[in-house]
Amino acid sequence: MIPYLIINGVSSKNINGLLIQSLPPISKPKIRTSIEEIDGRDGDIVTTLGYAAYDKAITIGLKGDYNVDDVIEYFNTSGKVTFSNEIDKYYNFAIYNTIDFNKLIRFKTANITFHVQPFKYSIEEPPITWNNTKQQTIANISVRNTGNIYSRPKLTITGSNTITVYLDNKQIFSIDLSAAGETIIIDAAGMNATDPEGNYLNRQVTGDYNNFMLDPGTNNLRVTGTMTNVTIDSYSRWI
């Protein structure tokens, strides 16, 4: 199969004359560390600091009836990218390195480097939504992280007054939704809370975003208060 990629929902196969000649290998991100050496002590002390973002390089070419402006526009972006050798996953990416389009025009080949964040996500995983059709004050939601690493999901709640969030019976957040029917989006990975328009609501949240972490396997989420609906997504993650 001829390799291809999908950037923000658009396949490279839809760009006239664009060829993806090679894709990056599937690899594990590097773990960032702090190493301390102490005089008189054998060895050293290694503290892990999380996974590092890294680069994935591809080689592209041109053929037939191409329009180099369309190719430039296709790669002049950031967001989500899927490589055809991992067709069921996507990475969050940006392109920072210079792309030599003069070389592309002259030799019909060029290299492009995607700077990707360390984790990848399923393109097929649907959000889990709990709708309060029975005027309940407790939502019990079972969430399965099918990935191979802990995830930091997004939680969207519409409700009013005080909402409390528990994960496996441990309280994670207390949320103040003062306006009736207010919606808040808690992005654990981004460590922020916003409304649907992107306005920050962090002052309405009490709790540590770092504690909102789903281990691989089944996790039990409990939300209490006056709610219309609760949605959780980006709950599976891979390295």
Protein backbone atom coordinates (compact mmCIF):
# COMPACT_ATOMS: atom_id res chain seq x y z
CA MET A 1 0.00 0.00 0.00
CA ILE A 2 1.24 3.48 -0.86
CA PRO A 3 1.87 5.39 2.39
CA TYR A 4 -0.23 8.43 3.18
CA LEU A 5 -1.18 10.65 6.08
CA ILE A 6 -4.22 12.56 7.29
CA ILE A 7 -3.84 16.09 8.64
CA ASN A 8 -6.86 17.56 10.45
CA GLY A 9 -9.18 15.21 8.60
CA VAL A 10 -7.71 15.78 5.10
CA SER A 11 -5.89 12.89 3.44
CA SER A 12 -2.67 13.51 1.53
CA LYS A 13 -4.24 11.37 -1.22
CA ASN A 14 -6.60 14.29 -1.90
CA ILE A 15 -3.73 16.69 -2.71
CA ASN A 16 -3.04 16.50 -6.44
CA GLY A 17 0.48 15.35 -7.24
CA LEU A 18 1.57 14.84 -3.62
CA LEU A 19 3.37 11.59 -2.82
CA ILE A 20 4.28 10.39 0.66
CA GLN A 21 7.47 8.48 -0.04
CA SER A 22 8.33 7.37 3.50
CA LEU A 23 6.76 7.43 6.95
CA PRO A 24 8.45 7.58 10.35
CA PRO A 25 8.89 4.35 12.31
CA ILE A 26 6.63 3.61 15.26
CA SER A 27 8.69 4.53 18.31
CA LYS A 28 8.39 5.18 22.04
CA PRO A 29 8.95 8.74 23.32
CA LYS A 30 11.94 9.52 25.48
CA ILE A 31 11.49 9.85 29.23
CA ARG A 32 12.86 13.17 30.51
CA THR A 33 15.09 12.75 33.56
CA SER A 34 17.06 14.73 36.09
CA ILE A 35 20.32 13.01 37.11
CA GLU A 36 22.10 13.95 40.32
CA GLU A 37 25.54 12.69 41.32
CA ILE A 38 26.52 12.86 45.00
CA ASP A 39 30.11 12.67 46.17
CA GLY A 40 30.73 9.54 48.24
CA ARG A 41 27.68 7.75 46.85
CA ASP A 42 27.91 5.00 44.27
CA GLY A 43 25.85 5.54 41.15
CA ASP A 44 23.47 8.47 40.81
CA ILE A 45 19.91 9.54 41.60
CA VAL A 46 17.57 9.60 38.61
CA THR A 47 14.27 11.48 38.83
CA THR A 48 11.80 10.95 35.98
CA LEU A 49 10.11 14.11 34.69
CA GLY A 50 7.59 12.73 32.21
CA TYR A 51 7.65 11.89 28.51
CA ALA A 52 9.21 14.28 26.01
CA ALA A 53 7.77 15.53 22.73
CA TYR A 54 9.80 14.39 19.73
CA ASP A 55 10.18 14.63 15.95
CA LYS A 56 8.77 12.37 13.25
CA ALA A 57 10.19 12.95 9.76
CA ILE A 58 8.60 12.03 6.44
CA THR A 59 9.80 12.28 2.86
CA ILE A 60 7.45 13.68 0.24
CA GLY A 61 7.59 13.85 -3.54
CA LEU A 62 5.72 15.32 -6.48
CA LYS A 63 4.26 13.72 -9.56
CA GLY A 64 2.13 14.56 -12.56
CA ASP A 65 -0.26 17.50 -12.33
CA TYR A 66 0.83 18.97 -9.01
CA ASN A 67 0.30 22.45 -7.59
CA VAL A 68 3.09 23.32 -5.16
CA ASP A 69 0.90 26.01 -3.54
CA ASP A 70 -1.61 23.32 -2.55
CA VAL A 71 1.22 21.26 -1.05
CA ILE A 72 2.52 24.27 0.90
CA GLU A 73 -0.96 25.02 2.20
CA TYR A 74 -1.47 21.39 3.23
CA PHE A 75 1.60 21.42 5.50
CA ASN A 76 1.19 25.00 6.73
CA THR A 77 -0.80 24.01 9.79
CA SER A 78 -0.83 22.26 13.16
CA GLY A 79 -3.32 20.04 14.95
CA LYS A 80 -3.86 16.31 14.50
CA VAL A 81 -1.97 13.95 12.20
CA THR A 82 -2.50 10.27 11.43
CA PHE A 83 0.15 8.21 9.65
CA SER A 84 -1.01 5.27 7.53
CA ASN A 85 1.23 2.84 9.42
CA GLU A 86 -0.83 3.71 12.55
CA ILE A 87 -4.13 4.38 10.86
CA ASP A 88 -6.26 4.03 14.01
CA LYS A 89 -4.32 6.64 16.05
CA TYR A 90 -3.56 10.35 15.86
CA TYR A 91 -0.84 12.60 17.26
CA ASN A 92 -1.04 16.26 18.22
CA PHE A 93 1.60 18.05 16.14
CA ALA A 94 3.12 21.27 14.86
CA ILE A 95 5.69 21.87 12.10
CA TYR A 96 8.48 24.19 13.24
CA ASN A 97 11.37 23.30 10.93
CA THR A 98 11.90 25.00 7.57
CA ILE A 99 10.57 23.08 4.58
CA ASP A 100 12.75 23.40 1.47
CA PHE A 101 10.08 23.77 -1.19
CA ASN A 102 12.70 24.97 -3.70
CA LYS A 103 14.30 21.55 -3.38
CA LEU A 104 10.88 19.99 -3.73
CA ILE A 105 10.23 21.87 -6.99
CA ARG A 106 13.69 21.20 -8.38
CA PHE A 107 14.26 17.58 -7.33
CA LYS A 108 10.63 16.56 -6.69
CA THR A 109 11.49 15.47 -3.14
CA ALA A 110 11.76 17.05 0.31
CA ASN A 111 11.78 16.18 4.00
CA ILE A 112 9.16 17.39 6.49
CA THR A 113 9.51 17.09 10.25
CA PHE A 114 6.45 16.83 12.48
CA HIS A 115 7.03 17.81 16.10
CA VAL A 116 4.62 15.52 17.93
CA GLN A 117 3.52 15.38 21.53
CA PRO A 118 4.47 12.13 23.26
CA PHE A 119 1.06 10.46 23.39
CA LYS A 120 -1.26 9.18 20.68
CA TYR A 121 -5.03 8.80 20.76
CA SER A 122 -7.70 6.69 19.11
CA ILE A 123 -9.46 8.22 16.11
CA GLU A 124 -12.43 5.86 16.62
CA GLU A 125 -13.08 6.18 20.35
CA PRO A 126 -16.47 7.88 20.96
CA PRO A 127 -17.12 10.21 23.89
CA ILE A 128 -18.99 8.73 26.85
CA THR A 129 -22.09 10.79 27.64
CA TRP A 130 -24.40 10.52 30.65
CA ASN A 131 -27.74 12.28 30.21
CA ASN A 132 -29.83 13.02 33.29
CA THR A 133 -33.24 11.83 32.11
CA LYS A 134 -34.49 10.90 35.60
CA GLN A 135 -33.57 14.02 37.59
CA GLN A 136 -30.78 12.17 39.39
CA THR A 137 -28.15 13.84 41.57
CA ILE A 138 -25.49 11.14 41.14
CA ALA A 139 -23.90 10.02 37.89
CA ASN A 140 -21.91 6.78 38.05
CA ILE A 141 -19.83 6.36 34.89
CA SER A 142 -17.50 3.47 34.10
CA VAL A 143 -14.62 4.57 31.87
CA ARG A 144 -12.21 2.09 30.29
CA ASN A 145 -8.80 3.38 29.21
CA THR A 146 -7.94 0.86 26.49
CA GLY A 147 -4.48 2.36 25.97
CA ASN A 148 -1.14 1.34 27.44
CA ILE A 149 -0.43 4.44 29.54
CA TYR A 150 -2.35 6.65 31.96
CA SER A 151 -4.59 9.27 30.34
CA ARG A 152 -5.65 12.79 31.31
CA PRO A 153 -9.12 13.16 29.78
CA LYS A 154 -11.53 16.00 29.09
CA LEU A 155 -14.64 16.24 31.25
CA THR A 156 -17.63 18.37 30.21
CA ILE A 157 -20.42 19.06 32.70
CA THR A 158 -23.60 21.08 32.30
CA GLY A 159 -25.40 21.90 35.53
CA SER A 160 -25.78 24.39 38.36
CA ASN A 161 -24.63 25.03 41.94
CA THR A 162 -21.89 22.81 43.41
CA ILE A 163 -20.75 19.78 41.41
CA THR A 164 -18.37 17.26 42.98
CA VAL A 165 -16.25 14.81 40.98
CA TYR A 166 -14.86 11.58 42.42
CA LEU A 167 -12.49 9.11 40.78
CA ASP A 168 -12.52 5.61 42.29
CA ASN A 169 -14.14 7.09 45.44
CA LYS A 170 -11.50 9.80 45.87
CA GLN A 171 -12.71 13.39 45.51
CA ILE A 172 -10.92 15.14 42.63
CA PHE A 173 -12.83 18.38 42.00
CA SER A 174 -15.41 20.66 43.54
CA ILE A 175 -16.94 22.85 40.81
CA ASP A 176 -19.02 25.98 41.27
CA LEU A 177 -21.58 26.38 38.48
CA SER A 178 -23.37 29.48 39.72
CA ALA A 179 -25.44 30.07 36.59
CA ALA A 180 -28.21 27.58 35.86
CA GLY A 181 -27.36 25.43 32.84
CA GLU A 182 -23.70 26.51 32.83
CA THR A 183 -21.24 24.28 30.97
CA ILE A 184 -17.65 23.76 32.06
CA ILE A 185 -14.93 21.83 30.22
CA ILE A 186 -12.11 20.47 32.37
CA ASP A 187 -9.03 19.63 30.31
CA ALA A 188 -6.76 17.59 32.57
CA ALA A 189 -3.93 17.42 30.01
CA GLY A 190 -4.00 21.18 29.46
CA MET A 191 -4.60 21.81 33.20
CA ASN A 192 -7.38 24.30 32.45
CA ALA A 193 -11.11 24.75 32.79
CA THR A 194 -13.07 26.74 30.18
CA ASP A 195 -16.57 27.35 28.91
CA PRO A 196 -17.48 26.20 25.35
CA GLU A 197 -16.31 29.59 23.98
CA GLY A 198 -12.84 29.13 25.49
CA ASN A 199 -13.18 31.56 28.40
CA TYR A 200 -11.22 30.42 31.45
CA LEU A 201 -13.18 29.13 34.44
CA ASN A 202 -10.28 27.93 36.61
CA ARG A 203 -11.44 29.99 39.57
CA GLN A 204 -14.63 27.92 39.66
CA VAL A 205 -12.69 24.68 40.16
CA THR A 206 -11.16 23.50 43.42
CA GLY A 207 -8.79 20.54 43.08
CA ASP A 208 -5.59 19.38 41.43
CA TYR A 209 -5.79 18.69 37.68
CA ASN A 210 -2.89 16.24 38.04
CA ASN A 211 -5.12 13.95 40.11
CA PHE A 212 -7.56 13.51 37.21
CA MET A 213 -5.69 10.58 35.72
CA LEU A 214 -7.14 7.34 34.33
CA ASP A 215 -5.03 4.20 34.62
CA PRO A 216 -5.18 1.58 31.84
CA GLY A 217 -8.25 -0.55 32.41
CA THR A 218 -11.55 0.33 34.07
CA ASN A 219 -11.93 3.52 36.13
CA ASN A 220 -15.04 4.54 38.04
CA LEU A 221 -16.14 8.16 37.83
CA ARG A 222 -18.83 9.59 40.12
CA VAL A 223 -20.29 13.06 39.70
CA THR A 224 -22.75 14.50 42.21
CA GLY A 225 -24.94 17.61 42.14
CA THR A 226 -27.51 19.22 39.89
CA MET A 227 -26.54 18.14 36.37
CA THR A 228 -28.06 17.97 32.91
CA ASN A 229 -25.32 15.88 31.32
CA VAL A 230 -21.73 14.71 31.75
CA THR A 231 -19.36 13.84 28.89
CA ILE A 232 -15.85 12.41 29.03
CA ASP A 233 -13.53 12.02 26.06
CA SER A 234 -9.84 11.49 25.21
CA TYR A 235 -9.89 8.81 27.90
CA SER A 236 -7.58 6.28 26.19
CA ARG A 237 -3.94 7.02 25.46
CA TRP A 238 -0.90 5.24 24.04
CA ILE A 239 2.86 5.77 23.89
